[in-house]
Each structure stands twice: as structure tokens, then as C-alpha cells.
Amino acid sequence: MMLAPWLEARPRPRAHALVPLDATSVLLVGCGVGDDALALAERIVGARVTGVDTSLARIDEALRRARHVALAVRFAVADARALPFDDGRFDVVLADRVLGDVDDRLRAMRELARVTRAGGRVLVHDRAEVISPRDVERDDDVMTLLARAGLVAIEIADEGMLDDGARVVTLIGLKPRDEEP
């Protein structure tokens, strides 16, 4: 299936390639107008892809764009600090340049972890200074928050540069499987 030309023209971040092809449910937090969620749904055939954003206008545009393609993607207005999903609902949760703009990063990271199933992945795609700032006095860098949310960092993947020259990276966190009694 071919996506609309406006969707195909934009290169996807490497973070999308880090979403396993056998994922059955993916949440994209900070989905904007839906292009990345639609691209993920095309790439991972059969997966339930859900995109959320805090902006009603962006979600309305995502819904409009989704009408033009035959993909099963859901969109909703939601805040990363209070996601409206059951615990362990998603195999993969991808936060795309969200945590740098959230005032309570720990709460948001805990929510990302909460909605990820045991053994699932949390991918945090953001500016390098959000993932691991040079200011060592901070305790809200994503590496620290990941551990405080009960996740295990397994990789940092270099993504390259944004148009403004800022370096972006993707941090991969794994939600440990529940221990057997």
C-alpha cells in the first residue's frame, strides 16, 4: 500500500526502526498530526498503533489524514503525565520529543512505563541534552528517570541532527518481566 505523498516525503527517525516488527501494540506519545503513527502502522502490519498528543488541533488533523489511508490507527488527545490506558497495554511506547517539554518528567516516565507490558520497550526520542544533559547537578535527565520509573536502559542510539543543529538520540528502555514467585 502506498501512503499519501505528503507522508512519504518526510524521512522517519531511526527510532521507528527500533520498534520490533512483531510488536502487536504501539503507542506514539507526541504524535503531532499523525504522520509518524501512520508510517509505523504501515511498517508493522497487523499492529494496533495509537497516537496521542496534547493538542486537539493536531489530533483533528491526524484523524483527517488517517481517513485517506487504509490503516488501523487510533488517535486521542492525552497528556504523557496521565495516559488514559490500562497498565501493560502496549508492547512498545515511543515518546517522540515529549519529555523536554513536560514539567514533571518523572511522572511522565512512570506513565510510559505503566502502560508498557512486562518485557516491552520504551523508546525515548529527544534532544541529547534532554536524554543526558551536561549539567551534572540535574536529577531529571531521562537516564535517571528511566531507572526511577523501573525501566532498564539497554541502548542509546545516535539519531543525528535536527534542522536547528541540535543532536537527537533515542534511549531504549526495557520494562523487566515480572519475577516468578
N, C-alpha and C. Protein backbone atom coordinates (compact mmCIF):
# COMPACT_ATOMS: atom_id res chain seq x y z
N MET A 1 0.84 -1.17 0.00
CA MET A 1 0.00 0.00 0.00
C MET A 1 0.89 1.24 0.00
N MET A 2 0.49 2.23 -0.73
CA MET A 2 1.25 3.48 -0.79
C MET A 2 0.58 4.51 0.10
N LEU A 3 1.41 5.18 0.91
CA LEU A 3 0.90 6.27 1.73
C LEU A 3 0.75 7.52 0.87
N ALA A 4 0.03 8.47 1.40
CA ALA A 4 -0.14 9.74 0.69
C ALA A 4 1.23 10.38 0.46
N PRO A 5 1.42 11.10 -0.65
CA PRO A 5 2.72 11.69 -0.95
C PRO A 5 3.28 12.57 0.16
N TRP A 6 2.43 13.32 0.86
CA TRP A 6 2.93 14.17 1.94
C TRP A 6 3.49 13.33 3.08
N LEU A 7 3.06 12.09 3.20
CA LEU A 7 3.58 11.19 4.23
C LEU A 7 4.91 10.58 3.81
N GLU A 8 5.02 10.20 2.54
CA GLU A 8 6.22 9.55 2.04
C GLU A 8 7.41 10.49 1.97
N ALA A 9 7.16 11.78 1.82
CA ALA A 9 8.24 12.73 1.59
C ALA A 9 9.12 12.96 2.81
N ARG A 10 8.61 12.72 4.00
CA ARG A 10 9.36 13.02 5.22
C ARG A 10 10.12 11.79 5.72
N PRO A 11 11.44 11.90 5.88
CA PRO A 11 12.17 10.74 6.40
C PRO A 11 11.78 10.46 7.84
N ARG A 12 11.75 9.20 8.21
CA ARG A 12 11.39 8.78 9.56
C ARG A 12 12.64 8.67 10.41
N PRO A 13 12.55 9.01 11.69
CA PRO A 13 13.71 8.84 12.57
C PRO A 13 14.05 7.37 12.74
N ARG A 14 15.28 7.09 13.07
CA ARG A 14 15.73 5.72 13.28
C ARG A 14 14.95 5.07 14.41
N ALA A 15 14.38 5.85 15.31
CA ALA A 15 13.59 5.30 16.41
C ALA A 15 12.51 4.37 15.88
N HIS A 16 11.93 4.68 14.73
CA HIS A 16 10.89 3.83 14.16
C HIS A 16 11.44 2.46 13.81
N ALA A 17 12.68 2.41 13.35
CA ALA A 17 13.32 1.14 13.01
C ALA A 17 13.57 0.31 14.26
N LEU A 18 13.58 0.93 15.43
CA LEU A 18 13.82 0.22 16.69
C LEU A 18 12.55 -0.43 17.24
N VAL A 19 11.42 -0.15 16.62
CA VAL A 19 10.17 -0.80 17.02
C VAL A 19 10.16 -2.17 16.36
N PRO A 20 10.14 -3.25 17.15
CA PRO A 20 10.18 -4.60 16.57
C PRO A 20 9.01 -4.87 15.63
N LEU A 21 9.27 -5.58 14.56
CA LEU A 21 8.23 -5.88 13.58
C LEU A 21 7.17 -6.83 14.14
N ASP A 22 7.48 -7.53 15.23
CA ASP A 22 6.48 -8.42 15.82
C ASP A 22 5.65 -7.75 16.92
N ALA A 23 5.82 -6.44 17.09
CA ALA A 23 5.01 -5.71 18.07
C ALA A 23 3.54 -5.78 17.65
N THR A 24 2.67 -5.99 18.62
CA THR A 24 1.25 -6.06 18.31
C THR A 24 0.51 -4.78 18.71
N SER A 25 1.13 -4.00 19.60
CA SER A 25 0.51 -2.74 20.02
C SER A 25 1.59 -1.71 20.31
N VAL A 26 1.42 -0.55 19.68
CA VAL A 26 2.42 0.52 19.78
C VAL A 26 1.71 1.82 20.14
N LEU A 27 2.27 2.54 21.10
CA LEU A 27 1.77 3.86 21.47
C LEU A 27 2.81 4.89 21.10
N LEU A 28 2.41 5.90 20.35
CA LEU A 28 3.28 7.02 19.99
C LEU A 28 2.80 8.24 20.76
N VAL A 29 3.58 8.67 21.75
CA VAL A 29 3.26 9.83 22.58
C VAL A 29 3.92 11.04 21.95
N GLY A 30 3.12 12.06 21.65
CA GLY A 30 3.63 13.23 20.93
C GLY A 30 3.53 12.99 19.43
N CYS A 31 2.39 12.47 19.00
CA CYS A 31 2.23 12.06 17.59
C CYS A 31 2.02 13.23 16.64
N GLY A 32 1.77 14.43 17.15
CA GLY A 32 1.57 15.57 16.26
C GLY A 32 0.39 15.33 15.34
N VAL A 33 0.58 15.56 14.04
CA VAL A 33 -0.50 15.43 13.07
C VAL A 33 -0.63 14.01 12.53
N GLY A 34 0.07 13.06 13.15
CA GLY A 34 -0.17 11.66 12.86
C GLY A 34 0.71 10.99 11.82
N ASP A 35 1.58 11.72 11.15
CA ASP A 35 2.38 11.13 10.08
C ASP A 35 3.20 9.94 10.55
N ASP A 36 3.86 10.09 11.69
CA ASP A 36 4.72 9.01 12.19
C ASP A 36 3.90 7.80 12.62
N ALA A 37 2.76 8.01 13.23
CA ALA A 37 1.90 6.90 13.62
C ALA A 37 1.41 6.14 12.39
N LEU A 38 1.04 6.87 11.35
CA LEU A 38 0.60 6.22 10.11
C LEU A 38 1.75 5.44 9.47
N ALA A 39 2.94 6.00 9.49
CA ALA A 39 4.10 5.31 8.92
C ALA A 39 4.42 4.05 9.71
N LEU A 40 4.31 4.10 11.03
CA LEU A 40 4.52 2.91 11.86
C LEU A 40 3.47 1.84 11.55
N ALA A 41 2.23 2.24 11.40
CA ALA A 41 1.17 1.28 11.11
C ALA A 41 1.40 0.61 9.75
N GLU A 42 1.94 1.33 8.81
CA GLU A 42 2.25 0.73 7.51
C GLU A 42 3.42 -0.24 7.63
N ARG A 43 4.42 0.13 8.41
CA ARG A 43 5.64 -0.68 8.56
C ARG A 43 5.38 -1.96 9.35
N ILE A 44 4.55 -1.90 10.39
CA ILE A 44 4.30 -3.03 11.27
C ILE A 44 2.89 -3.55 11.01
N VAL A 45 2.78 -4.38 10.01
CA VAL A 45 1.48 -4.87 9.56
C VAL A 45 0.80 -5.65 10.68
N GLY A 46 -0.44 -5.31 10.93
CA GLY A 46 -1.22 -6.00 11.94
C GLY A 46 -1.13 -5.42 13.34
N ALA A 47 -0.21 -4.50 13.55
CA ALA A 47 -0.08 -3.89 14.88
C ALA A 47 -1.18 -2.86 15.10
N ARG A 48 -1.62 -2.74 16.35
CA ARG A 48 -2.52 -1.66 16.73
C ARG A 48 -1.64 -0.47 17.11
N VAL A 49 -1.74 0.59 16.34
CA VAL A 49 -0.94 1.78 16.60
C VAL A 49 -1.87 2.87 17.11
N THR A 50 -1.48 3.47 18.22
CA THR A 50 -2.25 4.56 18.82
C THR A 50 -1.34 5.76 18.95
N GLY A 51 -1.82 6.91 18.51
CA GLY A 51 -1.07 8.15 18.65
C GLY A 51 -1.80 9.10 19.58
N VAL A 52 -1.05 9.73 20.48
CA VAL A 52 -1.65 10.72 21.37
C VAL A 52 -0.84 12.01 21.32
N ASP A 53 -1.52 13.10 21.55
CA ASP A 53 -0.90 14.42 21.59
C ASP A 53 -1.76 15.30 22.49
N THR A 54 -1.16 16.34 23.05
CA THR A 54 -1.92 17.24 23.92
C THR A 54 -2.77 18.24 23.15
N SER A 55 -2.53 18.37 21.85
CA SER A 55 -3.22 19.37 21.05
C SER A 55 -4.42 18.78 20.31
N LEU A 56 -5.60 19.29 20.60
CA LEU A 56 -6.80 18.86 19.89
C LEU A 56 -6.68 19.17 18.39
N ALA A 57 -6.12 20.31 18.04
CA ALA A 57 -5.97 20.67 16.63
C ALA A 57 -5.09 19.66 15.89
N ARG A 58 -3.98 19.24 16.52
CA ARG A 58 -3.10 18.26 15.87
C ARG A 58 -3.80 16.91 15.76
N ILE A 59 -4.54 16.50 16.78
CA ILE A 59 -5.26 15.22 16.71
C ILE A 59 -6.35 15.30 15.65
N ASP A 60 -7.06 16.41 15.54
CA ASP A 60 -8.07 16.56 14.48
C ASP A 60 -7.43 16.41 13.10
N GLU A 61 -6.25 17.00 12.93
CA GLU A 61 -5.53 16.87 11.65
C GLU A 61 -5.09 15.43 11.43
N ALA A 62 -4.63 14.75 12.48
CA ALA A 62 -4.23 13.35 12.36
C ALA A 62 -5.42 12.49 11.92
N LEU A 63 -6.56 12.73 12.51
CA LEU A 63 -7.77 11.99 12.12
C LEU A 63 -8.14 12.27 10.68
N ARG A 64 -8.00 13.51 10.25
CA ARG A 64 -8.30 13.87 8.85
C ARG A 64 -7.36 13.11 7.91
N ARG A 65 -6.07 13.11 8.24
CA ARG A 65 -5.09 12.42 7.39
C ARG A 65 -5.32 10.91 7.38
N ALA A 66 -5.71 10.36 8.50
CA ALA A 66 -5.91 8.91 8.59
C ALA A 66 -7.08 8.45 7.72
N ARG A 67 -8.01 9.34 7.44
CA ARG A 67 -9.15 8.97 6.58
C ARG A 67 -8.70 8.67 5.16
N HIS A 68 -7.53 9.15 4.76
CA HIS A 68 -7.05 8.99 3.38
C HIS A 68 -6.24 7.72 3.17
N VAL A 69 -6.01 6.95 4.21
CA VAL A 69 -5.24 5.72 4.08
C VAL A 69 -5.99 4.58 4.79
N ALA A 70 -5.78 3.38 4.32
CA ALA A 70 -6.47 2.22 4.89
C ALA A 70 -5.61 1.55 5.94
N LEU A 71 -5.37 2.25 7.05
CA LEU A 71 -4.57 1.71 8.14
C LEU A 71 -5.37 1.81 9.43
N ALA A 72 -5.17 0.84 10.31
CA ALA A 72 -5.88 0.84 11.59
C ALA A 72 -5.04 1.59 12.62
N VAL A 73 -5.27 2.89 12.70
CA VAL A 73 -4.57 3.75 13.65
C VAL A 73 -5.61 4.54 14.43
N ARG A 74 -5.40 4.61 15.74
CA ARG A 74 -6.29 5.40 16.59
C ARG A 74 -5.54 6.64 17.05
N PHE A 75 -6.27 7.72 17.25
CA PHE A 75 -5.68 8.96 17.76
C PHE A 75 -6.54 9.48 18.90
N ALA A 76 -5.88 10.09 19.89
CA ALA A 76 -6.61 10.65 21.03
C ALA A 76 -5.81 11.80 21.63
N VAL A 77 -6.53 12.73 22.23
CA VAL A 77 -5.89 13.79 22.99
C VAL A 77 -5.53 13.21 24.35
N ALA A 78 -4.26 13.31 24.73
CA ALA A 78 -3.83 12.79 26.03
C ALA A 78 -2.52 13.45 26.42
N ASP A 79 -2.29 13.49 27.72
CA ASP A 79 -1.09 14.06 28.31
C ASP A 79 -0.18 12.92 28.75
N ALA A 80 1.11 13.04 28.48
CA ALA A 80 2.07 11.99 28.85
C ALA A 80 2.09 11.73 30.35
N ARG A 81 1.65 12.68 31.15
CA ARG A 81 1.66 12.53 32.61
C ARG A 81 0.45 11.79 33.14
N ALA A 82 -0.55 11.55 32.28
CA ALA A 82 -1.78 10.85 32.70
C ALA A 82 -2.39 10.15 31.48
N LEU A 83 -1.77 9.08 31.05
CA LEU A 83 -2.22 8.37 29.85
C LEU A 83 -3.49 7.57 30.15
N PRO A 84 -4.49 7.66 29.27
CA PRO A 84 -5.79 7.02 29.52
C PRO A 84 -5.85 5.56 29.07
N PHE A 85 -4.84 4.77 29.44
CA PHE A 85 -4.77 3.38 29.01
C PHE A 85 -4.51 2.49 30.21
N ASP A 86 -4.92 1.22 30.08
CA ASP A 86 -4.70 0.24 31.13
C ASP A 86 -3.22 -0.06 31.30
N ASP A 87 -2.86 -0.54 32.46
CA ASP A 87 -1.49 -0.97 32.74
C ASP A 87 -1.10 -2.08 31.75
N GLY A 88 0.13 -2.02 31.26
CA GLY A 88 0.66 -3.06 30.40
C GLY A 88 -0.04 -3.21 29.06
N ARG A 89 -0.66 -2.18 28.57
CA ARG A 89 -1.47 -2.23 27.33
C ARG A 89 -0.63 -2.35 26.06
N PHE A 90 0.60 -1.79 26.04
CA PHE A 90 1.38 -1.70 24.80
C PHE A 90 2.68 -2.49 24.86
N ASP A 91 3.06 -3.08 23.73
CA ASP A 91 4.36 -3.75 23.59
C ASP A 91 5.48 -2.72 23.54
N VAL A 92 5.21 -1.62 22.84
CA VAL A 92 6.21 -0.57 22.64
C VAL A 92 5.55 0.78 22.86
N VAL A 93 6.24 1.64 23.61
CA VAL A 93 5.80 3.02 23.79
C VAL A 93 6.94 3.91 23.31
N LEU A 94 6.64 4.79 22.37
CA LEU A 94 7.63 5.70 21.80
C LEU A 94 7.23 7.13 22.14
N ALA A 95 8.08 7.81 22.91
CA ALA A 95 7.86 9.22 23.24
C ALA A 95 8.75 10.04 22.33
N ASP A 96 8.16 10.77 21.43
CA ASP A 96 8.89 11.50 20.40
C ASP A 96 8.99 12.99 20.73
N ARG A 97 10.14 13.38 21.24
CA ARG A 97 10.44 14.77 21.61
C ARG A 97 9.35 15.37 22.51
N VAL A 98 9.02 14.61 23.56
CA VAL A 98 7.98 15.00 24.51
C VAL A 98 8.56 15.42 25.84
N LEU A 99 9.49 14.64 26.37
CA LEU A 99 9.94 14.85 27.75
C LEU A 99 10.64 16.18 27.97
N GLY A 100 11.22 16.74 26.95
CA GLY A 100 11.85 18.06 27.08
C GLY A 100 10.85 19.16 27.35
N ASP A 101 9.58 18.92 27.04
CA ASP A 101 8.54 19.93 27.21
C ASP A 101 7.60 19.65 28.38
N VAL A 102 7.85 18.57 29.12
CA VAL A 102 6.97 18.19 30.22
C VAL A 102 7.53 18.73 31.53
N ASP A 103 6.65 19.31 32.36
CA ASP A 103 7.13 19.90 33.61
C ASP A 103 7.38 18.86 34.71
N ASP A 104 6.78 17.69 34.61
CA ASP A 104 7.00 16.63 35.59
C ASP A 104 7.47 15.38 34.84
N ARG A 105 8.76 15.36 34.52
CA ARG A 105 9.30 14.28 33.70
C ARG A 105 9.20 12.92 34.38
N LEU A 106 9.38 12.87 35.69
CA LEU A 106 9.30 11.59 36.38
C LEU A 106 7.89 11.01 36.26
N ARG A 107 6.90 11.84 36.46
CA ARG A 107 5.52 11.38 36.34
C ARG A 107 5.24 10.86 34.93
N ALA A 108 5.73 11.58 33.92
CA ALA A 108 5.55 11.15 32.53
C ALA A 108 6.27 9.83 32.28
N MET A 109 7.50 9.69 32.76
CA MET A 109 8.25 8.45 32.55
C MET A 109 7.57 7.28 33.24
N ARG A 110 7.04 7.52 34.42
CA ARG A 110 6.32 6.46 35.12
C ARG A 110 5.07 6.04 34.35
N GLU A 111 4.41 6.99 33.72
CA GLU A 111 3.24 6.67 32.90
C GLU A 111 3.64 5.86 31.67
N LEU A 112 4.75 6.23 31.04
CA LEU A 112 5.22 5.45 29.88
C LEU A 112 5.49 4.02 30.32
N ALA A 113 6.14 3.85 31.46
CA ALA A 113 6.43 2.52 31.98
C ALA A 113 5.16 1.77 32.35
N ARG A 114 4.21 2.47 32.95
CA ARG A 114 2.97 1.83 33.42
C ARG A 114 2.20 1.19 32.27
N VAL A 115 2.11 1.88 31.13
CA VAL A 115 1.30 1.37 30.01
C VAL A 115 2.07 0.39 29.13
N THR A 116 3.34 0.14 29.46
CA THR A 116 4.17 -0.82 28.71
C THR A 116 4.07 -2.17 29.39
N ARG A 117 3.88 -3.22 28.61
CA ARG A 117 3.79 -4.57 29.17
C ARG A 117 5.14 -5.01 29.70
N ALA A 118 5.15 -5.94 30.61
CA ALA A 118 6.39 -6.53 31.12
C ALA A 118 7.14 -7.15 29.95
N GLY A 119 8.42 -6.82 29.83
CA GLY A 119 9.23 -7.28 28.70
C GLY A 119 9.14 -6.37 27.49
N GLY A 120 8.31 -5.33 27.57
CA GLY A 120 8.15 -4.39 26.46
C GLY A 120 9.23 -3.32 26.45
N ARG A 121 9.19 -2.48 25.43
CA ARG A 121 10.19 -1.42 25.25
C ARG A 121 9.58 -0.04 25.38
N VAL A 122 10.35 0.85 25.98
CA VAL A 122 10.03 2.28 25.98
C VAL A 122 11.15 2.96 25.20
N LEU A 123 10.80 3.65 24.14
CA LEU A 123 11.77 4.39 23.33
C LEU A 123 11.56 5.87 23.57
N VAL A 124 12.60 6.56 24.01
CA VAL A 124 12.52 8.00 24.24
C VAL A 124 13.41 8.67 23.19
N HIS A 125 12.76 9.33 22.25
CA HIS A 125 13.46 10.02 21.16
C HIS A 125 13.42 11.51 21.46
N ASP A 126 14.59 12.09 21.73
CA ASP A 126 14.60 13.51 22.12
C ASP A 126 15.96 14.11 21.88
N ARG A 127 16.06 15.40 22.16
CA ARG A 127 17.34 16.09 22.07
C ARG A 127 18.32 15.47 23.05
N ALA A 128 19.59 15.44 22.67
CA ALA A 128 20.61 14.81 23.50
C ALA A 128 20.66 15.43 24.89
N GLU A 129 20.46 16.74 25.01
CA GLU A 129 20.54 17.37 26.33
C GLU A 129 19.36 17.00 27.23
N VAL A 130 18.28 16.50 26.66
CA VAL A 130 17.16 16.01 27.46
C VAL A 130 17.46 14.59 27.96
N ILE A 131 18.04 13.78 27.09
CA ILE A 131 18.37 12.40 27.45
C ILE A 131 19.46 12.37 28.52
N SER A 132 20.52 13.11 28.30
CA SER A 132 21.65 13.09 29.23
C SER A 132 22.32 14.46 29.21
N PRO A 133 21.81 15.40 30.01
CA PRO A 133 22.35 16.76 29.98
C PRO A 133 23.77 16.84 30.53
N ARG A 134 24.49 17.85 30.07
CA ARG A 134 25.87 18.06 30.53
C ARG A 134 25.91 18.60 31.96
N ASP A 135 24.82 19.21 32.39
CA ASP A 135 24.73 19.76 33.74
C ASP A 135 24.54 18.62 34.74
N VAL A 136 25.59 18.24 35.42
CA VAL A 136 25.54 17.08 36.32
C VAL A 136 24.72 17.34 37.58
N GLU A 137 24.34 18.57 37.83
CA GLU A 137 23.55 18.89 39.02
C GLU A 137 22.08 18.51 38.84
N ARG A 138 21.65 18.25 37.62
CA ARG A 138 20.25 17.91 37.38
C ARG A 138 19.97 16.47 37.74
N ASP A 139 18.79 16.22 38.24
CA ASP A 139 18.41 14.84 38.54
C ASP A 139 17.18 14.41 37.76
N ASP A 140 16.84 15.19 36.70
CA ASP A 140 15.68 14.82 35.90
C ASP A 140 16.05 14.47 34.47
N ASP A 141 17.32 14.07 34.25
CA ASP A 141 17.67 13.61 32.92
C ASP A 141 16.98 12.27 32.69
N VAL A 142 16.76 11.93 31.45
CA VAL A 142 15.97 10.76 31.12
C VAL A 142 16.64 9.47 31.59
N MET A 143 17.96 9.41 31.55
CA MET A 143 18.66 8.21 32.03
C MET A 143 18.30 7.92 33.49
N THR A 144 18.32 8.97 34.32
CA THR A 144 17.98 8.81 35.74
C THR A 144 16.51 8.48 35.91
N LEU A 145 15.65 9.18 35.18
CA LEU A 145 14.21 8.96 35.30
C LEU A 145 13.81 7.55 34.85
N LEU A 146 14.50 7.05 33.85
CA LEU A 146 14.22 5.71 33.36
C LEU A 146 14.35 4.70 34.49
N ALA A 147 15.45 4.78 35.22
CA ALA A 147 15.68 3.87 36.35
C ALA A 147 14.66 4.10 37.46
N ARG A 148 14.35 5.36 37.75
CA ARG A 148 13.39 5.66 38.81
C ARG A 148 11.98 5.18 38.46
N ALA A 149 11.71 5.00 37.14
CA ALA A 149 10.41 4.50 36.71
C ALA A 149 10.39 2.97 36.61
N GLY A 150 11.49 2.33 36.99
CA GLY A 150 11.53 0.87 36.99
C GLY A 150 11.93 0.24 35.67
N LEU A 151 12.52 1.05 34.78
CA LEU A 151 12.96 0.53 33.49
C LEU A 151 14.47 0.35 33.48
N VAL A 152 14.95 -0.47 32.57
CA VAL A 152 16.38 -0.72 32.43
C VAL A 152 16.83 -0.18 31.09
N ALA A 153 17.82 0.72 31.09
CA ALA A 153 18.34 1.25 29.84
C ALA A 153 19.15 0.16 29.15
N ILE A 154 18.86 -0.09 27.87
CA ILE A 154 19.61 -1.13 27.17
C ILE A 154 20.43 -0.58 26.01
N GLU A 155 20.13 0.62 25.55
CA GLU A 155 20.90 1.17 24.43
C GLU A 155 20.58 2.65 24.26
N ILE A 156 21.58 3.40 23.81
CA ILE A 156 21.35 4.77 23.33
C ILE A 156 21.77 4.77 21.87
N ALA A 157 20.85 5.09 21.00
CA ALA A 157 21.11 5.09 19.57
C ALA A 157 21.24 6.52 19.09
N ASP A 158 22.32 6.83 18.41
CA ASP A 158 22.54 8.18 17.88
C ASP A 158 21.64 8.38 16.66
N GLU A 159 20.91 9.45 16.66
CA GLU A 159 19.96 9.73 15.59
C GLU A 159 20.45 10.75 14.56
N GLY A 160 21.36 11.62 14.95
CA GLY A 160 21.78 12.66 14.02
C GLY A 160 21.40 14.03 14.52
N MET A 161 21.07 14.92 13.59
CA MET A 161 20.83 16.33 13.91
C MET A 161 19.45 16.79 13.44
N LEU A 162 18.90 17.73 14.20
CA LEU A 162 17.68 18.42 13.78
C LEU A 162 18.06 19.57 12.87
N ASP A 163 17.08 20.21 12.27
CA ASP A 163 17.35 21.35 11.38
C ASP A 163 18.08 22.48 12.09
N ASP A 164 17.84 22.64 13.41
CA ASP A 164 18.49 23.72 14.15
C ASP A 164 19.89 23.33 14.64
N GLY A 165 20.37 22.14 14.25
CA GLY A 165 21.71 21.71 14.63
C GLY A 165 21.79 20.93 15.92
N ALA A 166 20.67 20.78 16.62
CA ALA A 166 20.67 20.04 17.88
C ALA A 166 20.78 18.54 17.60
N ARG A 167 21.59 17.85 18.39
CA ARG A 167 21.74 16.41 18.26
C ARG A 167 20.56 15.72 18.93
N VAL A 168 20.00 14.71 18.27
CA VAL A 168 18.92 13.93 18.84
C VAL A 168 19.36 12.47 18.97
N VAL A 169 18.88 11.83 20.01
CA VAL A 169 19.20 10.43 20.26
C VAL A 169 17.93 9.70 20.68
N THR A 170 17.97 8.39 20.62
CA THR A 170 16.88 7.57 21.13
C THR A 170 17.43 6.68 22.22
N LEU A 171 16.81 6.74 23.37
CA LEU A 171 17.16 5.89 24.50
C LEU A 171 16.17 4.73 24.52
N ILE A 172 16.69 3.53 24.59
CA ILE A 172 15.82 2.35 24.62
C ILE A 172 15.80 1.82 26.04
N GLY A 173 14.61 1.75 26.62
CA GLY A 173 14.44 1.18 27.94
C GLY A 173 13.62 -0.09 27.86
N LEU A 174 13.92 -1.03 28.70
CA LEU A 174 13.21 -2.29 28.73
C LEU A 174 12.48 -2.40 30.06
N LYS A 175 11.20 -2.75 30.01
CA LYS A 175 10.45 -2.98 31.24
C LYS A 175 10.70 -4.43 31.65
N PRO A 176 11.32 -4.64 32.81
CA PRO A 176 11.64 -6.02 33.22
C PRO A 176 10.37 -6.88 33.30
N ARG A 177 10.56 -8.14 32.98
CA ARG A 177 9.46 -9.10 33.14
C ARG A 177 9.21 -9.30 34.62
N ASP A 178 7.97 -9.58 34.96
CA ASP A 178 7.63 -9.85 36.36
C ASP A 178 8.39 -11.07 36.83
N GLU A 179 8.88 -11.00 38.06
CA GLU A 179 9.61 -12.14 38.64
C GLU A 179 8.63 -13.25 38.98
N GLU A 180 9.04 -14.48 38.71
CA GLU A 180 8.24 -15.64 39.10
C GLU A 180 8.40 -15.87 40.60
N PRO A 181 7.33 -16.16 41.34
CA PRO A 181 7.46 -16.39 42.78
C PRO A 181 8.16 -17.70 43.08
